[in-house]
Amino acid sequence: MCKWLSVYICGMAERDTTEKSRLAPFKKYFRYFRNKYILSITVVTLYALFLDDDDMFTLISQNSKLRKLKADHALVAEKLTKTTRTLKQLDHNAALERYAREEKLFKKDNEDIFIISYE
């Protein structure tokens, strides 16, 4: 019985040394996390970066959407000024008829329209 007990204890000792050798590279990092201030700062930082509702990935995607919307807003504003300028020019019937014929391809009843396009 003593022999079996000594083999069991020696086996445990050998297993402990192999576990310690596996954890040896991480041992220097574990001593930093024993400090409660570093541990709490790490936990709060990880929570703020990854787990919060306004985490880092959400903020990045929202900023990209905002940039895209600002670019779209600039295009729409440019089209609006162009349309407003065109509407101011169409106050007279002659200008309105010219615009309808040139831009919208309207025609009178007894006319034919030929469109020539250059490629």
PDB file of N, CA and C in Angstrom:
ATOM      1  N   MET A   1       0.817  -1.189   0.000  1.00  0.00           N
ATOM      2  CA  MET A   1       0.000   0.000   0.000  1.00  0.00           C
ATOM      3  C   MET A   1       0.862   1.255   0.000  1.00  0.00           C
ATOM      4  N   CYS A   2       1.936   1.245   0.729  1.00  0.00           N
ATOM      5  CA  CYS A   2       2.818   2.414   0.756  1.00  0.00           C
ATOM      6  C   CYS A   2       3.455   2.637  -0.593  1.00  0.00           C
ATOM      7  N   LYS A   3       3.776   1.560  -1.254  1.00  0.00           N
ATOM      8  CA  LYS A   3       4.396   1.708  -2.558  1.00  0.00           C
ATOM      9  C   LYS A   3       3.405   2.362  -3.535  1.00  0.00           C
ATOM     10  N   TRP A   4       2.161   1.914  -3.497  1.00  0.00           N
ATOM     11  CA  TRP A   4       1.147   2.484  -4.365  1.00  0.00           C
ATOM     12  C   TRP A   4       0.918   3.945  -4.049  1.00  0.00           C
ATOM     13  N   LEU A   5       0.882   4.296  -2.776  1.00  0.00           N
ATOM     14  CA  LEU A   5       0.685   5.669  -2.354  1.00  0.00           C
ATOM     15  C   LEU A   5       1.855   6.541  -2.787  1.00  0.00           C
ATOM     16  N   SER A   6       3.061   6.040  -2.686  1.00  0.00           N
ATOM     17  CA  SER A   6       4.222   6.833  -3.103  1.00  0.00           C
ATOM     18  C   SER A   6       4.228   7.026  -4.617  1.00  0.00           C
ATOM     19  N   VAL A   7       3.803   6.037  -5.389  1.00  0.00           N
ATOM     20  CA  VAL A   7       3.724   6.175  -6.855  1.00  0.00           C
ATOM     21  C   VAL A   7       2.652   7.198  -7.207  1.00  0.00           C
ATOM     22  N   TYR A   8       1.540   7.167  -6.500  1.00  0.00           N
ATOM     23  CA  TYR A   8       0.465   8.109  -6.748  1.00  0.00           C
ATOM     24  C   TYR A   8       0.918   9.531  -6.448  1.00  0.00           C
ATOM     25  N   ILE A   9       1.596   9.719  -5.341  1.00  0.00           N
ATOM     26  CA  ILE A   9       2.094  11.043  -4.970  1.00  0.00           C
ATOM     27  C   ILE A   9       3.163  11.499  -5.946  1.00  0.00           C
ATOM     28  N   CYS A  10       4.052  10.612  -6.358  1.00  0.00           N
ATOM     29  CA  CYS A  10       5.083  10.973  -7.341  1.00  0.00           C
ATOM     30  C   CYS A  10       4.451  11.323  -8.676  1.00  0.00           C
ATOM     31  N   GLY A  11       3.429  10.566  -9.042  1.00  0.00           N
ATOM     32  CA  GLY A  11       2.724  10.874 -10.291  1.00  0.00           C
ATOM     33  C   GLY A  11       2.084  12.248 -10.240  1.00  0.00           C
ATOM     34  N   MET A  12       1.518  12.614  -9.111  1.00  0.00           N
ATOM     35  CA  MET A  12       0.929  13.939  -8.944  1.00  0.00           C
ATOM     36  C   MET A  12       2.004  15.003  -9.048  1.00  0.00           C
ATOM     37  N   ALA A  13       3.160  14.727  -8.451  1.00  0.00           N
ATOM     38  CA  ALA A  13       4.248  15.697  -8.506  1.00  0.00           C
ATOM     39  C   ALA A  13       4.726  15.890  -9.939  1.00  0.00           C
ATOM     40  N   GLU A  14       4.803  14.808 -10.694  1.00  0.00           N
ATOM     41  CA  GLU A  14       5.216  14.923 -12.094  1.00  0.00           C
ATOM     42  C   GLU A  14       4.187  15.695 -12.899  1.00  0.00           C
ATOM     43  N   ARG A  15       2.916  15.471 -12.641  1.00  0.00           N
ATOM     44  CA  ARG A  15       1.871  16.175 -13.364  1.00  0.00           C
ATOM     45  C   ARG A  15       1.894  17.662 -13.014  1.00  0.00           C
ATOM     46  N   ASP A  16       2.128  17.997 -11.764  1.00  0.00           N
ATOM     47  CA  ASP A  16       2.222  19.396 -11.358  1.00  0.00           C
ATOM     48  C   ASP A  16       3.369  20.100 -12.068  1.00  0.00           C
ATOM     49  N   THR A  17       4.484  19.433 -12.226  1.00  0.00           N
ATOM     50  CA  THR A  17       5.615  20.081 -12.897  1.00  0.00           C
ATOM     51  C   THR A  17       5.330  20.296 -14.370  1.00  0.00           C
ATOM     52  N   THR A  18       4.602  19.374 -15.012  1.00  0.00           N
ATOM     53  CA  THR A  18       4.283  19.578 -16.428  1.00  0.00           C
ATOM     54  C   THR A  18       3.288  20.716 -16.594  1.00  0.00           C
ATOM     55  N   GLU A  19       2.318  20.831 -15.677  1.00  0.00           N
ATOM     56  CA  GLU A  19       1.369  21.945 -15.745  1.00  0.00           C
ATOM     57  C   GLU A  19       2.082  23.261 -15.495  1.00  0.00           C
ATOM     58  N   LYS A  20       3.008  23.260 -14.564  1.00  0.00           N
ATOM     59  CA  LYS A  20       3.762  24.482 -14.285  1.00  0.00           C
ATOM     60  C   LYS A  20       4.624  24.878 -15.471  1.00  0.00           C
ATOM     61  N   SER A  21       5.170  23.906 -16.160  1.00  0.00           N
ATOM     62  CA  SER A  21       6.014  24.231 -17.309  1.00  0.00           C
ATOM     63  C   SER A  21       5.166  24.774 -18.464  1.00  0.00           C
ATOM     64  N   ARG A  22       3.930  24.319 -18.587  1.00  0.00           N
ATOM     65  CA  ARG A  22       3.048  24.859 -19.616  1.00  0.00           C
ATOM     66  C   ARG A  22       2.632  26.290 -19.303  1.00  0.00           C
ATOM     67  N   LEU A  23       2.479  26.612 -18.058  1.00  0.00           N
ATOM     68  CA  LEU A  23       2.035  27.948 -17.650  1.00  0.00           C
ATOM     69  C   LEU A  23       3.184  28.917 -17.419  1.00  0.00           C
ATOM     70  N   ALA A  24       4.395  28.451 -17.554  1.00  0.00           N
ATOM     71  CA  ALA A  24       5.561  29.295 -17.285  1.00  0.00           C
ATOM     72  C   ALA A  24       5.608  30.556 -18.158  1.00  0.00           C
ATOM     73  N   PRO A  25       5.321  30.518 -19.453  1.00  0.00           N
ATOM     74  CA  PRO A  25       5.375  31.757 -20.244  1.00  0.00           C
ATOM     75  C   PRO A  25       4.334  32.799 -19.812  1.00  0.00           C
ATOM     76  N   PHE A  26       3.217  32.342 -19.262  1.00  0.00           N
ATOM     77  CA  PHE A  26       2.158  33.260 -18.866  1.00  0.00           C
ATOM     78  C   PHE A  26       2.298  33.753 -17.437  1.00  0.00           C
ATOM     79  N   LYS A  27       3.248  33.207 -16.721  1.00  0.00           N
ATOM     80  CA  LYS A  27       3.391  33.514 -15.304  1.00  0.00           C
ATOM     81  C   LYS A  27       3.702  34.989 -15.076  1.00  0.00           C
ATOM     82  N   LYS A  28       4.505  35.593 -15.951  1.00  0.00           N
ATOM     83  CA  LYS A  28       4.854  37.002 -15.757  1.00  0.00           C
ATOM     84  C   LYS A  28       3.644  37.906 -15.985  1.00  0.00           C
ATOM     85  N   TYR A  29       2.660  37.458 -16.793  1.00  0.00           N
ATOM     86  CA  TYR A  29       1.459  38.261 -17.006  1.00  0.00           C
ATOM     87  C   TYR A  29       0.468  38.099 -15.861  1.00  0.00           C
ATOM     88  N   PHE A  30       0.446  36.922 -15.251  1.00  0.00           N
ATOM     89  CA  PHE A  30      -0.468  36.690 -14.143  1.00  0.00           C
ATOM     90  C   PHE A  30      -0.164  37.586 -12.953  1.00  0.00           C
ATOM     91  N   ARG A  31       1.085  37.909 -12.758  1.00  0.00           N
ATOM     92  CA  ARG A  31       1.415  38.746 -11.599  1.00  0.00           C
ATOM     93  C   ARG A  31       0.875  40.166 -11.777  1.00  0.00           C
ATOM     94  N   TYR A  32       0.729  40.625 -12.998  1.00  0.00           N
ATOM     95  CA  TYR A  32       0.145  41.955 -13.220  1.00  0.00           C
ATOM     96  C   TYR A  32      -1.349  41.955 -12.907  1.00  0.00           C
ATOM     97  N   PHE A  33      -2.025  40.864 -13.217  1.00  0.00           N
ATOM     98  CA  PHE A  33      -3.459  40.804 -12.988  1.00  0.00           C
ATOM     99  C   PHE A  33      -3.830  40.500 -11.541  1.00  0.00           C
ATOM    100  N   ARG A  34      -2.852  40.288 -10.708  1.00  0.00           N
ATOM    101  CA  ARG A  34      -3.124  40.158  -9.279  1.00  0.00           C
ATOM    102  C   ARG A  34      -3.407  41.525  -8.664  1.00  0.00           C
ATOM    103  N   ASN A  35      -2.918  42.565  -9.303  1.00  0.00           N
ATOM    104  CA  ASN A  35      -3.182  43.916  -8.836  1.00  0.00           C
ATOM    105  C   ASN A  35      -4.634  44.258  -9.170  1.00  0.00           C
ATOM    106  N   LYS A  36      -5.401  44.657  -8.160  1.00  0.00           N
ATOM    107  CA  LYS A  36      -6.831  44.888  -8.365  1.00  0.00           C
ATOM    108  C   LYS A  36      -7.101  46.093  -9.266  1.00  0.00           C
ATOM    109  N   TYR A  37      -6.225  47.060  -9.300  1.00  0.00           N
ATOM    110  CA  TYR A  37      -6.435  48.238 -10.144  1.00  0.00           C
ATOM    111  C   TYR A  37      -6.233  47.898 -11.621  1.00  0.00           C
ATOM    112  N   ILE A  38      -5.187  47.163 -11.907  1.00  0.00           N
ATOM    113  CA  ILE A  38      -4.940  46.764 -13.293  1.00  0.00           C
ATOM    114  C   ILE A  38      -6.037  45.821 -13.771  1.00  0.00           C
ATOM    115  N   LEU A  39      -6.464  44.929 -12.915  1.00  0.00           N
ATOM    116  CA  LEU A  39      -7.528  44.003 -13.274  1.00  0.00           C
ATOM    117  C   LEU A  39      -8.835  44.747 -13.555  1.00  0.00           C
ATOM    118  N   SER A  40      -9.179  45.703 -12.703  1.00  0.00           N
ATOM    119  CA  SER A  40     -10.434  46.431 -12.913  1.00  0.00           C
ATOM    120  C   SER A  40     -10.359  47.323 -14.152  1.00  0.00           C
ATOM    121  N   ILE A  41      -9.214  47.948 -14.412  1.00  0.00           N
ATOM    122  CA  ILE A  41      -9.056  48.760 -15.617  1.00  0.00           C
ATOM    123  C   ILE A  41      -9.170  47.884 -16.859  1.00  0.00           C
ATOM    124  N   THR A  42      -8.597  46.704 -16.821  1.00  0.00           N
ATOM    125  CA  THR A  42      -8.675  45.779 -17.949  1.00  0.00           C
ATOM    126  C   THR A  42     -10.118  45.331 -18.194  1.00  0.00           C
ATOM    127  N   VAL A  43     -10.827  45.003 -17.143  1.00  0.00           N
ATOM    128  CA  VAL A  43     -12.216  44.558 -17.284  1.00  0.00           C
ATOM    129  C   VAL A  43     -13.083  45.681 -17.842  1.00  0.00           C
ATOM    130  N   VAL A  44     -12.930  46.891 -17.333  1.00  0.00           N
ATOM    131  CA  VAL A  44     -13.726  48.022 -17.815  1.00  0.00           C
ATOM    132  C   VAL A  44     -13.384  48.340 -19.272  1.00  0.00           C
ATOM    133  N   THR A  45     -12.116  48.278 -19.635  1.00  0.00           N
ATOM    134  CA  THR A  45     -11.712  48.547 -21.022  1.00  0.00           C
ATOM    135  C   THR A  45     -12.284  47.499 -21.965  1.00  0.00           C
ATOM    136  N   LEU A  46     -12.200  46.232 -21.597  1.00  0.00           N
ATOM    137  CA  LEU A  46     -12.769  45.182 -22.432  1.00  0.00           C
ATOM    138  C   LEU A  46     -14.276  45.329 -22.570  1.00  0.00           C
ATOM    139  N   TYR A  47     -14.930  45.708 -21.489  1.00  0.00           N
ATOM    140  CA  TYR A  47     -16.376  45.924 -21.541  1.00  0.00           C
ATOM    141  C   TYR A  47     -16.706  47.084 -22.473  1.00  0.00           C
ATOM    142  N   ALA A  48     -15.978  48.180 -22.355  1.00  0.00           N
ATOM    143  CA  ALA A  48     -16.260  49.355 -23.181  1.00  0.00           C
ATOM    144  C   ALA A  48     -15.950  49.106 -24.649  1.00  0.00           C
ATOM    145  N   LEU A  49     -14.922  48.319 -24.944  1.00  0.00           N
ATOM    146  CA  LEU A  49     -14.544  48.086 -26.339  1.00  0.00           C
ATOM    147  C   LEU A  49     -15.413  47.036 -27.030  1.00  0.00           C
ATOM    148  N   PHE A  50     -15.845  46.009 -26.317  1.00  0.00           N
ATOM    149  CA  PHE A  50     -16.488  44.887 -26.985  1.00  0.00           C
ATOM    150  C   PHE A  50     -17.904  44.578 -26.527  1.00  0.00           C
ATOM    151  N   LEU A  51     -18.263  44.823 -25.290  1.00  0.00           N
ATOM    152  CA  LEU A  51     -19.524  44.320 -24.768  1.00  0.00           C
ATOM    153  C   LEU A  51     -20.613  45.371 -24.609  1.00  0.00           C
ATOM    154  N   ASP A  52     -20.285  46.626 -24.597  1.00  0.00           N
ATOM    155  CA  ASP A  52     -21.242  47.695 -24.380  1.00  0.00           C
ATOM    156  C   ASP A  52     -22.132  47.869 -25.611  1.00  0.00           C
ATOM    157  N   ASP A  53     -23.278  48.537 -25.449  1.00  0.00           N
ATOM    158  CA  ASP A  53     -24.158  48.809 -26.591  1.00  0.00           C
ATOM    159  C   ASP A  53     -23.484  49.719 -27.606  1.00  0.00           C
ATOM    160  N   ASP A  54     -22.661  50.627 -27.153  1.00  0.00           N
ATOM    161  CA  ASP A  54     -21.923  51.526 -28.041  1.00  0.00           C
ATOM    162  C   ASP A  54     -20.466  51.091 -28.093  1.00  0.00           C
ATOM    163  N   ASP A  55     -20.249  49.854 -28.514  1.00  0.00           N
ATOM    164  CA  ASP A  55     -18.881  49.339 -28.551  1.00  0.00           C
ATOM    165  C   ASP A  55     -18.133  49.874 -29.766  1.00  0.00           C
ATOM    166  N   MET A  56     -16.898  49.476 -29.873  1.00  0.00           N
ATOM    167  CA  MET A  56     -15.999  49.995 -30.909  1.00  0.00           C
ATOM    168  C   MET A  56     -16.524  49.686 -32.313  1.00  0.00           C
ATOM    169  N   PHE A  57     -17.023  48.491 -32.536  1.00  0.00           N
ATOM    170  CA  PHE A  57     -17.482  48.095 -33.867  1.00  0.00           C
ATOM    171  C   PHE A  57     -18.733  48.868 -34.275  1.00  0.00           C
ATOM    172  N   THR A  58     -19.629  49.114 -33.327  1.00  0.00           N
ATOM    173  CA  THR A  58     -20.828  49.892 -33.618  1.00  0.00           C
ATOM    174  C   THR A  58     -20.459  51.322 -33.968  1.00  0.00           C
ATOM    175  N   LEU A  59     -19.530  51.904 -33.234  1.00  0.00           N
ATOM    176  CA  LEU A  59     -19.122  53.275 -33.516  1.00  0.00           C
ATOM    177  C   LEU A  59     -18.473  53.400 -34.892  1.00  0.00           C
ATOM    178  N   ILE A  60     -17.660  52.438 -35.271  1.00  0.00           N
ATOM    179  CA  ILE A  60     -17.016  52.478 -36.591  1.00  0.00           C
ATOM    180  C   ILE A  60     -18.058  52.371 -37.697  1.00  0.00           C
ATOM    181  N   SER A  61     -19.008  51.464 -37.559  1.00  0.00           N
ATOM    182  CA  SER A  61     -20.035  51.316 -38.596  1.00  0.00           C
ATOM    183  C   SER A  61     -20.936  52.546 -38.667  1.00  0.00           C
ATOM    184  N   GLN A  62     -21.248  53.131 -37.518  1.00  0.00           N
ATOM    185  CA  GLN A  62     -22.078  54.340 -37.519  1.00  0.00           C
ATOM    186  C   GLN A  62     -21.347  55.511 -38.167  1.00  0.00           C
ATOM    187  N   ASN A  63     -20.035  55.622 -37.933  1.00  0.00           N
ATOM    188  CA  ASN A  63     -19.266  56.695 -38.571  1.00  0.00           C
ATOM    189  C   ASN A  63     -19.207  56.513 -40.077  1.00  0.00           C
ATOM    190  N   SER A  64     -19.082  55.288 -40.552  1.00  0.00           N
ATOM    191  CA  SER A  64     -19.058  55.058 -42.002  1.00  0.00           C
ATOM    192  C   SER A  64     -20.419  55.382 -42.620  1.00  0.00           C
ATOM    193  N   LYS A  65     -21.504  55.024 -41.943  1.00  0.00           N
ATOM    194  CA  LYS A  65     -22.840  55.379 -42.434  1.00  0.00           C
ATOM    195  C   LYS A  65     -23.029  56.890 -42.457  1.00  0.00           C
ATOM    196  N   LEU A  66     -22.515  57.577 -41.442  1.00  0.00           N
ATOM    197  CA  LEU A  66     -22.631  59.030 -41.385  1.00  0.00           C
ATOM    198  C   LEU A  66     -21.876  59.684 -42.537  1.00  0.00           C
ATOM    199  N   ARG A  67     -20.666  59.193 -42.845  1.00  0.00           N
ATOM    200  CA  ARG A  67     -19.903  59.739 -43.978  1.00  0.00           C
ATOM    201  C   ARG A  67     -20.655  59.534 -45.287  1.00  0.00           C
ATOM    202  N   LYS A  68     -21.257  58.359 -45.457  1.00  0.00           N
ATOM    203  CA  LYS A  68     -22.015  58.075 -46.678  1.00  0.00           C
ATOM    204  C   LYS A  68     -23.237  58.985 -46.777  1.00  0.00           C
ATOM    205  N   LEU A  69     -23.938  59.180 -45.678  1.00  0.00           N
ATOM    206  CA  LEU A  69     -25.104  60.055 -45.689  1.00  0.00           C
ATOM    207  C   LEU A  69     -24.733  61.503 -45.969  1.00  0.00           C
ATOM    208  N   LYS A  70     -23.599  61.959 -45.464  1.00  0.00           N
ATOM    209  CA  LYS A  70     -23.153  63.320 -45.760  1.00  0.00           C
ATOM    210  C   LYS A  70     -22.828  63.482 -47.235  1.00  0.00           C
ATOM    211  N   ALA A  71     -22.221  62.462 -47.838  1.00  0.00           N
ATOM    212  CA  ALA A  71     -21.928  62.518 -49.274  1.00  0.00           C
ATOM    213  C   ALA A  71     -23.223  62.530 -50.079  1.00  0.00           C
ATOM    214  N   ASP A  72     -24.193  61.700 -49.682  1.00  0.00           N
ATOM    215  CA  ASP A  72     -25.490  61.694 -50.364  1.00  0.00           C
ATOM    216  C   ASP A  72     -26.203  63.027 -50.202  1.00  0.00           C
ATOM    217  N   HIS A  73     -26.085  63.616 -49.025  1.00  0.00           N
ATOM    218  CA  HIS A  73     -26.704  64.923 -48.767  1.00  0.00           C
ATOM    219  C   HIS A  73     -26.114  65.994 -49.677  1.00  0.00           C
ATOM    220  N   ALA A  74     -24.813  65.940 -49.885  1.00  0.00           N
ATOM    221  CA  ALA A  74     -24.171  66.921 -50.768  1.00  0.00           C
ATOM    222  C   ALA A  74     -24.668  66.755 -52.202  1.00  0.00           C
ATOM    223  N   LEU A  75     -24.829  65.512 -52.667  1.00  0.00           N
ATOM    224  CA  LEU A  75     -25.338  65.285 -54.021  1.00  0.00           C
ATOM    225  C   LEU A  75     -26.774  65.774 -54.173  1.00  0.00           C
ATOM    226  N   VAL A  76     -27.606  65.502 -53.179  1.00  0.00           N
ATOM    227  CA  VAL A  76     -29.000  65.932 -53.236  1.00  0.00           C
ATOM    228  C   VAL A  76     -29.090  67.454 -53.185  1.00  0.00           C
ATOM    229  N   ALA A  77     -28.260  68.087 -52.378  1.00  0.00           N
ATOM    230  CA  ALA A  77     -28.267  69.545 -52.311  1.00  0.00           C
ATOM    231  C   ALA A  77     -27.851  70.152 -53.650  1.00  0.00           C
ATOM    232  N   GLU A  78     -26.883  69.538 -54.313  1.00  0.00           N
ATOM    233  CA  GLU A  78     -26.451  70.021 -55.634  1.00  0.00           C
ATOM    234  C   GLU A  78     -27.576  69.872 -56.658  1.00  0.00           C
ATOM    235  N   LYS A  79     -28.270  68.737 -56.645  1.00  0.00           N
ATOM    236  CA  LYS A  79     -29.401  68.545 -57.548  1.00  0.00           C
ATOM    237  C   LYS A  79     -30.522  69.532 -57.251  1.00  0.00           C
ATOM    238  N   LEU A  80     -30.742  69.830 -55.983  1.00  0.00           N
ATOM    239  CA  LEU A  80     -31.784  70.774 -55.598  1.00  0.00           C
ATOM    240  C   LEU A  80     -31.491  72.172 -56.127  1.00  0.00           C
ATOM    241  N   THR A  81     -30.249  72.612 -56.009  1.00  0.00           N
ATOM    242  CA  THR A  81     -29.915  73.941 -56.524  1.00  0.00           C
ATOM    243  C   THR A  81     -30.061  73.986 -58.043  1.00  0.00           C
ATOM    244  N   LYS A  82     -29.694  72.914 -58.735  1.00  0.00           N
ATOM    245  CA  LYS A  82     -29.842  72.853 -60.194  1.00  0.00           C
ATOM    246  C   LYS A  82     -31.317  72.902 -60.588  1.00  0.00           C
ATOM    247  N   THR A  83     -32.149  72.150 -59.882  1.00  0.00           N
ATOM    248  CA  THR A  83     -33.585  72.136 -60.168  1.00  0.00           C
ATOM    249  C   THR A  83     -34.221  73.484 -59.864  1.00  0.00           C
ATOM    250  N   THR A  84     -33.822  74.112 -58.789  1.00  0.00           N
ATOM    251  CA  THR A  84     -34.348  75.431 -58.436  1.00  0.00           C
ATOM    252  C   THR A  84     -33.980  76.456 -59.497  1.00  0.00           C
ATOM    253  N   ARG A  85     -32.748  76.396 -59.970  1.00  0.00           N
ATOM    254  CA  ARG A  85     -32.301  77.302 -61.024  1.00  0.00           C
ATOM    255  C   ARG A  85     -33.118  77.080 -62.304  1.00  0.00           C
ATOM    256  N   THR A  86     -33.381  75.829 -62.641  1.00  0.00           N
ATOM    257  CA  THR A  86     -34.167  75.508 -63.831  1.00  0.00           C
ATOM    258  C   THR A  86     -35.605  76.008 -63.681  1.00  0.00           C
ATOM    259  N   LEU A  87     -36.187  75.837 -62.503  1.00  0.00           N
ATOM    260  CA  LEU A  87     -37.555  76.307 -62.277  1.00  0.00           C
ATOM    261  C   LEU A  87     -37.665  77.818 -62.385  1.00  0.00           C
ATOM    262  N   LYS A  88     -36.671  78.533 -61.924  1.00  0.00           N
ATOM    263  CA  LYS A  88     -36.701  79.997 -62.046  1.00  0.00           C
ATOM    264  C   LYS A  88     -36.628  80.428 -63.502  1.00  0.00           C
ATOM    265  N   GLN A  89     -35.935  79.658 -64.343  1.00  0.00           N
ATOM    266  CA  GLN A  89     -35.828  79.996 -65.760  1.00  0.00           C
ATOM    267  C   GLN A  89     -37.111  79.672 -66.519  1.00  0.00           C
ATOM    268  N   LEU A  90     -37.959  78.798 -65.981  1.00  0.00           N
ATOM    269  CA  LEU A  90     -39.157  78.360 -66.686  1.00  0.00           C
ATOM    270  C   LEU A  90     -40.387  79.203 -66.376  1.00  0.00           C
ATOM    271  N   ASP A  91     -40.211  80.436 -66.013  1.00  0.00           N
ATOM    272  CA  ASP A  91     -41.353  81.301 -65.730  1.00  0.00           C
ATOM    273  C   ASP A  91     -42.111  81.676 -66.998  1.00  0.00           C
ATOM    274  N   HIS A  92     -41.454  81.790 -68.108  1.00  0.00           N
ATOM    275  CA  HIS A  92     -42.083  82.208 -69.357  1.00  0.00           C
ATOM    276  C   HIS A  92     -42.483  80.981 -70.165  1.00  0.00           C
ATOM    277  N   ASN A  93     -43.562  81.126 -70.971  1.00  0.00           N
ATOM    278  CA  ASN A  93     -44.062  80.005 -71.775  1.00  0.00           C
ATOM    279  C   ASN A  93     -43.056  79.553 -72.819  1.00  0.00           C
ATOM    280  N   ALA A  94     -42.321  80.475 -73.410  1.00  0.00           N
ATOM    281  CA  ALA A  94     -41.350  80.106 -74.444  1.00  0.00           C
ATOM    282  C   ALA A  94     -40.226  79.264 -73.841  1.00  0.00           C
ATOM    283  N   ALA A  95     -39.771  79.638 -72.679  1.00  0.00           N
ATOM    284  CA  ALA A  95     -38.710  78.876 -72.019  1.00  0.00           C
ATOM    285  C   ALA A  95     -39.227  77.507 -71.579  1.00  0.00           C
ATOM    286  N   LEU A  96     -40.486  77.471 -71.136  1.00  0.00           N
ATOM    287  CA  LEU A  96     -41.084  76.207 -70.717  1.00  0.00           C
ATOM    288  C   LEU A  96     -41.214  75.251 -71.905  1.00  0.00           C
ATOM    289  N   GLU A  97     -41.678  75.768 -73.046  1.00  0.00           N
ATOM    290  CA  GLU A  97     -41.809  74.932 -74.233  1.00  0.00           C
ATOM    291  C   GLU A  97     -40.442  74.429 -74.713  1.00  0.00           C
ATOM    292  N   ARG A  98     -39.442  75.283 -74.717  1.00  0.00           N
ATOM    293  CA  ARG A  98     -38.100  74.884 -75.131  1.00  0.00           C
ATOM    294  C   ARG A  98     -37.555  73.788 -74.213  1.00  0.00           C
ATOM    295  N   TYR A  99     -37.747  73.951 -72.914  1.00  0.00           N
ATOM    296  CA  TYR A  99     -37.270  72.946 -71.953  1.00  0.00           C
ATOM    297  C   TYR A  99     -37.986  71.611 -72.176  1.00  0.00           C
ATOM    298  N   ALA A 100     -39.297  71.643 -72.376  1.00  0.00           N
ATOM    299  CA  ALA A 100     -40.067  70.411 -72.564  1.00  0.00           C
ATOM    300  C   ALA A 100     -39.617  69.692 -73.824  1.00  0.00           C
ATOM    301  N   ARG A 101     -39.339  70.447 -74.893  1.00  0.00           N
ATOM    302  CA  ARG A 101     -38.919  69.819 -76.136  1.00  0.00           C
ATOM    303  C   ARG A 101     -37.495  69.267 -76.035  1.00  0.00           C
ATOM    304  N   GLU A 102     -36.587  70.001 -75.431  1.00  0.00           N
ATOM    305  CA  GLU A 102     -35.184  69.582 -75.393  1.00  0.00           C
ATOM    306  C   GLU A 102     -34.904  68.505 -74.344  1.00  0.00           C
ATOM    307  N   GLU A 103     -35.409  68.709 -73.167  1.00  0.00           N
ATOM    308  CA  GLU A 103     -35.062  67.803 -72.062  1.00  0.00           C
ATOM    309  C   GLU A 103     -36.031  66.618 -71.927  1.00  0.00           C
ATOM    310  N   LYS A 104     -37.302  66.867 -72.078  1.00  0.00           N
ATOM    311  CA  LYS A 104     -38.301  65.821 -71.833  1.00  0.00           C
ATOM    312  C   LYS A 104     -38.840  65.189 -73.110  1.00  0.00           C
ATOM    313  N   LEU A 105     -38.364  65.669 -74.280  1.00  0.00           N
ATOM    314  CA  LEU A 105     -38.717  65.120 -75.589  1.00  0.00           C
ATOM    315  C   LEU A 105     -40.215  65.169 -75.876  1.00  0.00           C
ATOM    316  N   PHE A 106     -40.863  66.253 -75.452  1.00  0.00           N
ATOM    317  CA  PHE A 106     -42.267  66.459 -75.799  1.00  0.00           C
ATOM    318  C   PHE A 106     -42.356  66.892 -77.249  1.00  0.00           C
ATOM    319  N   LYS A 107     -43.544  66.692 -77.868  1.00  0.00           N
ATOM    320  CA  LYS A 107     -43.729  67.102 -79.251  1.00  0.00           C
ATOM    321  C   LYS A 107     -45.162  67.554 -79.456  1.00  0.00           C
ATOM    322  N   LYS A 108     -45.345  68.306 -80.545  1.00  0.00           N
ATOM    323  CA  LYS A 108     -46.696  68.693 -80.927  1.00  0.00           C
ATOM    324  C   LYS A 108     -47.331  67.535 -81.690  1.00  0.00           C
ATOM    325  N   ASP A 109     -48.628  67.633 -81.931  1.00  0.00           N
ATOM    326  CA  ASP A 109     -49.348  66.519 -82.544  1.00  0.00           C
ATOM    327  C   ASP A 109     -48.870  66.209 -83.956  1.00  0.00           C
ATOM    328  N   ASN A 110     -48.512  67.204 -84.714  1.00  0.00           N
ATOM    329  CA  ASN A 110     -48.152  66.968 -86.109  1.00  0.00           C
ATOM    330  C   ASN A 110     -46.643  66.940 -86.331  1.00  0.00           C
ATOM    331  N   GLU A 111     -45.859  66.622 -85.312  1.00  0.00           N
ATOM    332  CA  GLU A 111     -44.394  66.608 -85.431  1.00  0.00           C
ATOM    333  C   GLU A 111     -43.842  65.194 -85.224  1.00  0.00           C
ATOM    334  N   ASP A 112     -42.685  64.975 -85.773  1.00  0.00           N
ATOM    335  CA  ASP A 112     -41.916  63.771 -85.496  1.00  0.00           C
ATOM    336  C   ASP A 112     -40.581  64.194 -84.882  1.00  0.00           C
ATOM    337  N   ILE A 113     -40.083  63.393 -83.933  1.00  0.00           N
ATOM    338  CA  ILE A 113     -38.829  63.720 -83.263  1.00  0.00           C
ATOM    339  C   ILE A 113     -37.809  62.664 -83.643  1.00  0.00           C
ATOM    340  N   PHE A 114     -36.661  63.113 -84.062  1.00  0.00           N
ATOM    341  CA  PHE A 114     -35.545  62.231 -84.379  1.00  0.00           C
ATOM    342  C   PHE A 114     -34.443  62.507 -83.382  1.00  0.00           C
ATOM    343  N   ILE A 115     -33.968  61.456 -82.707  1.00  0.00           N
ATOM    344  CA  ILE A 115     -32.916  61.598 -81.716  1.00  0.00           C
ATOM    345  C   ILE A 115     -31.633  61.082 -82.327  1.00  0.00           C
ATOM    346  N   ILE A 116     -30.647  61.932 -82.390  1.00  0.00           N
ATOM    347  CA  ILE A 116     -29.331  61.557 -82.924  1.00  0.00           C
ATOM    348  C   ILE A 116     -28.373  61.472 -81.754  1.00  0.00           C
ATOM    349  N   SER A 117     -27.783  60.309 -81.565  1.00  0.00           N
ATOM    350  CA  SER A 117     -26.830  60.147 -80.472  1.00  0.00           C
ATOM    351  C   SER A 117     -25.490  59.722 -81.048  1.00  0.00           C
ATOM    352  N   TYR A 118     -24.448  60.258 -80.483  1.00  0.00           N
ATOM    353  CA  TYR A 118     -23.090  59.938 -80.917  1.00  0.00           C
ATOM    354  C   TYR A 118     -22.464  59.044 -79.866  1.00  0.00           C
ATOM    355  N   GLU A 119     -21.899  57.954 -80.310  1.00  0.00           N
ATOM    356  CA  GLU A 119     -21.282  57.019 -79.357  1.00  0.00           C
ATOM    357  C   GLU A 119     -19.790  57.033 -79.470  1.00  0.00           C
TER     358      GLU A 119
END
